[in-house]
Protein backbone atom coordinates (compact mmCIF):
# COMPACT_ATOMS: atom_id res chain seq x y z
CA MET A 1 1.08 3.63 -5.28
CA PHE A 2 4.56 5.22 -5.35
CA THR A 3 6.34 6.18 -8.58
CA PRO A 4 9.79 7.80 -8.29
CA LYS A 5 10.72 10.93 -10.23
CA LYS A 6 14.07 12.55 -10.93
CA GLU A 7 15.60 14.26 -7.91
CA PRO A 8 18.21 17.01 -7.61
CA PRO A 9 21.81 15.71 -7.35
CA ARG A 10 23.17 14.96 -3.90
CA SER A 11 26.46 16.24 -2.57
CA VAL A 12 27.87 12.67 -2.52
CA PRO A 13 28.51 11.37 -6.06
CA ARG A 14 27.48 7.80 -6.73
CA GLU A 15 31.04 6.80 -7.54
CA ASP A 16 32.04 7.70 -3.96
CA ILE A 17 29.60 5.17 -2.52
CA SER A 18 31.23 1.78 -2.05
CA PRO A 19 29.56 -1.34 -3.50
CA LEU A 20 29.62 -2.83 0.00
CA LEU A 21 27.56 0.07 1.32
CA VAL A 22 25.10 -0.24 -1.54
CA ALA A 23 24.72 -3.93 -0.73
CA GLU A 24 24.28 -3.10 2.96
CA LEU A 25 21.51 -0.63 2.19
CA SER A 26 19.86 -3.06 -0.21
CA THR A 27 19.76 -5.64 2.57
CA GLU A 28 18.31 -3.09 4.97
CA PHE A 29 15.58 -2.13 2.54
CA SER A 30 14.74 -5.79 1.97
CA SER A 31 14.38 -6.19 5.73
CA VAL A 32 11.99 -3.24 5.84
CA ARG A 33 9.75 -5.09 3.39
CA VAL A 34 9.43 -8.08 5.71
CA PRO A 35 5.96 -8.12 7.38
CA ASN A 36 5.85 -6.13 10.64
CA ASN A 37 9.34 -4.69 10.16
CA CYS A 38 7.95 -1.50 8.69
CA PRO A 39 5.55 0.10 11.19
CA ARG A 40 1.90 0.26 10.23
CA GLY A 41 1.03 3.57 8.63
CA MET A 42 4.58 4.18 7.41
CA TYR A 43 5.71 4.02 3.77
CA ILE A 44 9.35 4.09 2.60
CA ILE A 45 10.84 4.53 -0.87
CA PRO A 46 14.55 4.87 -1.74
CA SER A 47 15.63 7.91 -3.70
CA VAL A 48 16.16 7.35 -7.41
CA ASP A 49 19.15 9.68 -7.21
CA SER A 50 21.14 8.11 -4.38
CA PRO A 51 20.98 4.93 -2.30
CA LEU A 52 22.01 7.06 0.69
CA LYS A 53 18.62 8.71 0.84
CA TRP A 54 15.20 7.19 1.56
CA ASN A 55 11.97 9.17 1.45
CA ALA A 56 9.11 8.30 3.78
CA VAL A 57 5.64 9.30 4.89
CA PHE A 58 4.01 8.44 8.20
CA PHE A 59 0.24 8.48 8.80
CA VAL A 60 -0.16 8.94 12.57
CA HIS A 61 -3.25 7.11 13.81
CA ARG A 62 -3.02 7.45 17.59
CA GLY A 63 -1.74 9.68 20.36
CA PRO A 64 -1.25 13.45 20.62
CA TYR A 65 -0.32 13.67 16.91
CA ALA A 66 -3.24 11.57 15.63
CA GLY A 67 -4.38 12.61 12.17
CA SER A 68 -0.99 13.97 11.11
CA VAL A 69 0.59 13.12 7.77
CA LEU A 70 4.32 13.46 8.36
CA ARG A 71 7.00 13.32 5.71
CA PHE A 72 10.53 12.41 6.73
CA ILE A 73 13.86 11.49 5.18
CA LEU A 74 16.53 8.95 6.15
CA ASP A 75 20.03 10.06 5.19
CA PHE A 76 22.64 7.33 5.49
CA PRO A 77 26.28 8.27 6.20
CA LEU A 78 29.13 6.86 4.11
CA ASN A 79 30.29 4.83 7.12
CA TYR A 80 26.93 3.14 7.67
CA PRO A 81 26.22 0.93 9.62
CA GLN A 82 28.80 2.35 12.04
CA THR A 83 26.75 5.56 12.35
CA ARG A 84 22.99 5.94 12.65
CA PRO A 85 21.07 7.45 9.71
CA THR A 86 19.97 11.06 10.14
CA VAL A 87 16.21 11.46 10.34
CA THR A 88 14.81 14.76 9.09
CA ILE A 89 11.10 15.46 9.63
CA ASP A 90 9.89 17.49 6.68
CA SER A 91 6.62 18.60 8.25
CA GLU A 92 5.57 21.37 10.57
CA VAL A 93 5.29 19.60 13.91
CA TYR A 94 5.88 20.45 17.57
CA HIS A 95 8.00 17.75 19.20
CA PRO A 96 10.54 17.92 22.06
CA MET A 97 12.94 15.62 20.17
CA ILE A 98 12.90 17.53 16.87
CA ASP A 99 15.23 20.49 16.35
CA PRO A 100 12.99 23.39 15.24
CA LYS A 101 15.71 24.79 12.94
CA THR A 102 17.22 21.72 11.30
CA LYS A 103 14.12 19.49 11.68
CA VAL A 104 16.43 16.65 12.69
CA TRP A 105 14.80 14.09 14.98
CA THR A 106 16.83 12.58 17.83
CA PRO A 107 15.86 9.33 19.58
CA LEU A 108 15.97 8.48 23.26
CA GLY A 109 17.67 5.65 25.13
CA ASP A 110 19.56 2.87 23.37
CA MET A 111 18.70 4.09 19.90
CA ARG A 112 20.51 7.36 20.59
CA HIS A 113 23.68 5.30 21.03
CA TRP A 114 23.57 3.40 17.76
CA ARG A 115 25.07 -0.11 17.89
CA PRO A 116 26.17 -1.48 14.48
CA ARG A 117 24.85 -4.95 13.55
CA ILE A 118 22.49 -4.79 16.51
CA HIS A 119 20.40 -1.80 15.52
CA HIS A 120 18.87 -1.79 12.04
CA VAL A 121 16.55 0.43 10.04
CA PRO A 122 13.35 -1.36 11.18
CA HIS A 123 14.32 -0.62 14.80
CA LEU A 124 14.78 3.02 13.89
CA LEU A 125 11.42 3.20 12.10
CA HIS A 126 9.58 1.75 15.09
CA GLU A 127 11.40 4.22 17.34
CA ILE A 128 10.21 7.08 15.14
CA LYS A 129 6.63 5.87 15.34
CA ASN A 130 6.78 5.39 19.11
CA SER A 131 8.21 8.87 19.61
CA PHE A 132 4.85 10.35 18.61
CA ARG A 133 3.01 8.51 21.38
CA THR A 134 2.32 9.66 24.92
CA PRO A 135 4.46 7.06 26.80
CA TYR A 136 7.51 8.10 24.78
CA LEU A 137 6.89 11.80 25.38
CA GLU A 138 6.62 11.10 29.11
CA ARG A 139 10.18 9.74 29.02
CA VAL A 140 11.61 13.01 27.70
CA THR A 141 13.36 15.15 30.32
CA GLU A 142 14.43 18.76 30.16
CA GLU A 143 18.02 17.57 30.04
CA ASN A 144 17.66 15.35 26.96
CA ALA A 145 14.97 17.37 25.16
CA ILE A 146 16.14 18.90 21.89
CA ASN A 147 13.37 21.49 21.73
CA LYS A 148 13.21 22.83 25.29
CA GLN A 149 10.31 25.18 24.59
CA THR A 150 8.11 22.37 23.28
CA PHE A 151 9.13 20.15 26.18
CA LEU A 152 8.10 22.79 28.72
CA LEU A 153 4.81 23.26 26.89
CA TRP A 154 4.17 19.51 27.08
CA GLN A 155 5.04 19.46 30.79
CA ASN A 156 3.35 22.63 31.99
CA SER A 157 0.55 23.37 29.55
CA ARG A 158 -0.64 20.04 28.20
CA GLN A 159 -3.93 21.32 26.80
CA THR A 160 -2.20 24.08 24.85
CA PHE A 161 0.30 21.55 23.52
CA LEU A 162 -2.50 19.23 22.38
CA SER A 163 -4.37 22.09 20.73
CA MET A 164 -1.27 23.13 18.80
CA THR A 165 -0.47 19.59 17.65
CA ALA A 166 -4.10 19.10 16.60
CA GLN A 167 -3.95 22.29 14.54
CA ARG A 168 -0.81 21.18 12.77
CA ALA A 169 -2.23 17.69 12.23
CA LEU A 170 -5.23 19.31 10.53
CA HIS A 171 -2.97 21.49 8.42
CA SER A 172 -0.97 18.46 7.26
CA THR A 173 -4.09 17.06 5.58
CA PHE A 174 -5.22 20.19 3.73
CA PRO A 175 -5.23 19.69 -0.07
CA GLU A 176 -2.80 22.59 -0.55
CA THR A 177 -0.36 20.84 1.81
CA ILE A 178 -0.88 17.30 0.53
CA TYR A 179 -0.84 17.95 -3.20
CA ASP A 180 1.66 20.80 -3.46
CA THR A 181 5.29 19.80 -4.03
CA LYS A 182 6.47 22.54 -1.70
CA MET A 183 5.37 22.36 1.92
CA LYS A 184 3.44 25.30 3.34
CA THR A 185 4.20 26.82 6.73
CA LEU A 186 1.54 26.77 9.43
CA SER A 187 1.06 30.51 9.11
CA SER A 188 -0.26 30.03 5.59
CA ALA A 189 -2.92 27.57 6.72
CA PRO A 190 -6.35 28.48 8.12
CA SER A 191 -7.07 27.42 11.70
CA THR A 192 -10.33 25.85 10.51
CA PRO A 193 -11.20 24.26 7.16
CA ARG A 194 -12.48 26.70 4.54
CA LYS A 195 -15.17 25.98 2.02
CA GLY A 196 -13.73 23.74 -0.66
CA LYS A 197 -10.59 23.17 1.44
CA ASP A 198 -11.72 20.35 3.72
CA PRO A 199 -8.94 18.25 5.19
CA ILE A 200 -8.36 14.89 3.56
CA SER A 201 -8.79 11.74 5.63
CA HIS A 202 -6.13 9.04 5.85
CA THR A 203 -8.54 6.64 4.13
CA ARG A 204 -8.86 8.94 1.14
CA LEU A 205 -5.11 9.50 1.08
CA GLY A 206 -4.60 5.77 0.76
CA ASN A 207 -6.12 6.03 -2.71
CA VAL A 208 -4.07 8.96 -4.00
CA ALA A 209 -0.47 8.31 -2.98
CA SER A 210 2.21 8.98 -5.57
CA ALA A 211 5.91 9.58 -4.96
CA GLY A 212 7.95 12.30 -6.55
CA TYR A 213 10.54 14.95 -5.90
CA GLU A 214 10.44 18.57 -6.96
CA GLN A 215 12.58 20.57 -4.58
CA GLY A 216 13.67 20.88 -0.96
CA LEU A 217 13.04 17.91 1.33
CA ASP A 218 9.59 17.09 -0.01
CA GLY A 219 10.53 13.66 -1.38
CA ILE A 220 7.02 12.16 -1.45
CA ARG A 221 4.05 14.05 -2.75
CA PHE A 222 0.48 13.01 -3.45
CA GLN A 223 -1.49 13.32 -6.65
CA LYS A 224 -5.20 12.96 -7.20
CA LEU A 225 -6.36 9.94 -9.15
CA ILE A 226 -9.09 10.06 -11.73
CA ALA A 227 -11.97 7.60 -11.31
CA ASP A 228 -10.56 4.99 -13.71
CA GLU A 229 -7.13 5.09 -12.04
CA GLU A 230 -8.65 4.73 -8.58
CA GLN A 231 -10.77 1.76 -9.66
CA GLY A 232 -7.75 0.10 -11.27
CA LEU A 233 -5.74 0.60 -8.10
CA ARG A 234 -8.52 -0.90 -5.99
CA GLU A 235 -8.69 -3.97 -8.24
CA SER A 236 -4.90 -4.34 -8.12
CA LEU A 237 -4.94 -4.19 -4.31
CA LYS A 238 -7.70 -6.81 -4.14
CA GLU A 239 -5.69 -9.15 -6.36
CA SER A 240 -2.47 -8.64 -4.41
CA THR A 241 -4.17 -9.38 -1.07
CA ALA A 242 -6.27 -12.32 -2.27
CA ILE A 243 -5.59 -15.57 -0.46
């Protein structure tokens, strides 16, 4: 269950955001809440500080990145929907379409050339999810790859690529990564789980999700629930899904 906390101020004051844009973003978020519009395993929450910023987390279930817990941010420009939102992946991940310095993700094909009123946020979210699957990676060429080194690793040393993505997927589920408000770098994580530091499964994470913002890009963090809180959450979920 997500609960927003106070975030640092953005560079764009609220008074500079037009009411029409706020309404546009509100409509987009409503569309994300429609069944099947938000990809399975992905959770989105708008920033409490600015409607131009949405925080998200993606639980990757299949493909080369299976097991990863990836945080990302959607930053909407002031001229939205004329320009596509910027997607920043706030997790340590090797991907040919993610800039290793800025962490900005770039799509392929039609989504790269954003078409207002035709492309919407749900399309973008599904594109993000698909980009972590093998068929999408096979479409990347050296010419359109953002991270050339990762692309060449995927093309020429597939097993090494898969080993590295598996290591980072494991790191993304360590308690010190999940529960800390500041993301750790891969170098600070052990290559294998240590005693008392076992990685946390996606099933367990489903019971401990809580949104907040402390610093940097880490807009969603997780907190452990005590037994009574977990039981209450389970009962609430049963009631909300009862037919």
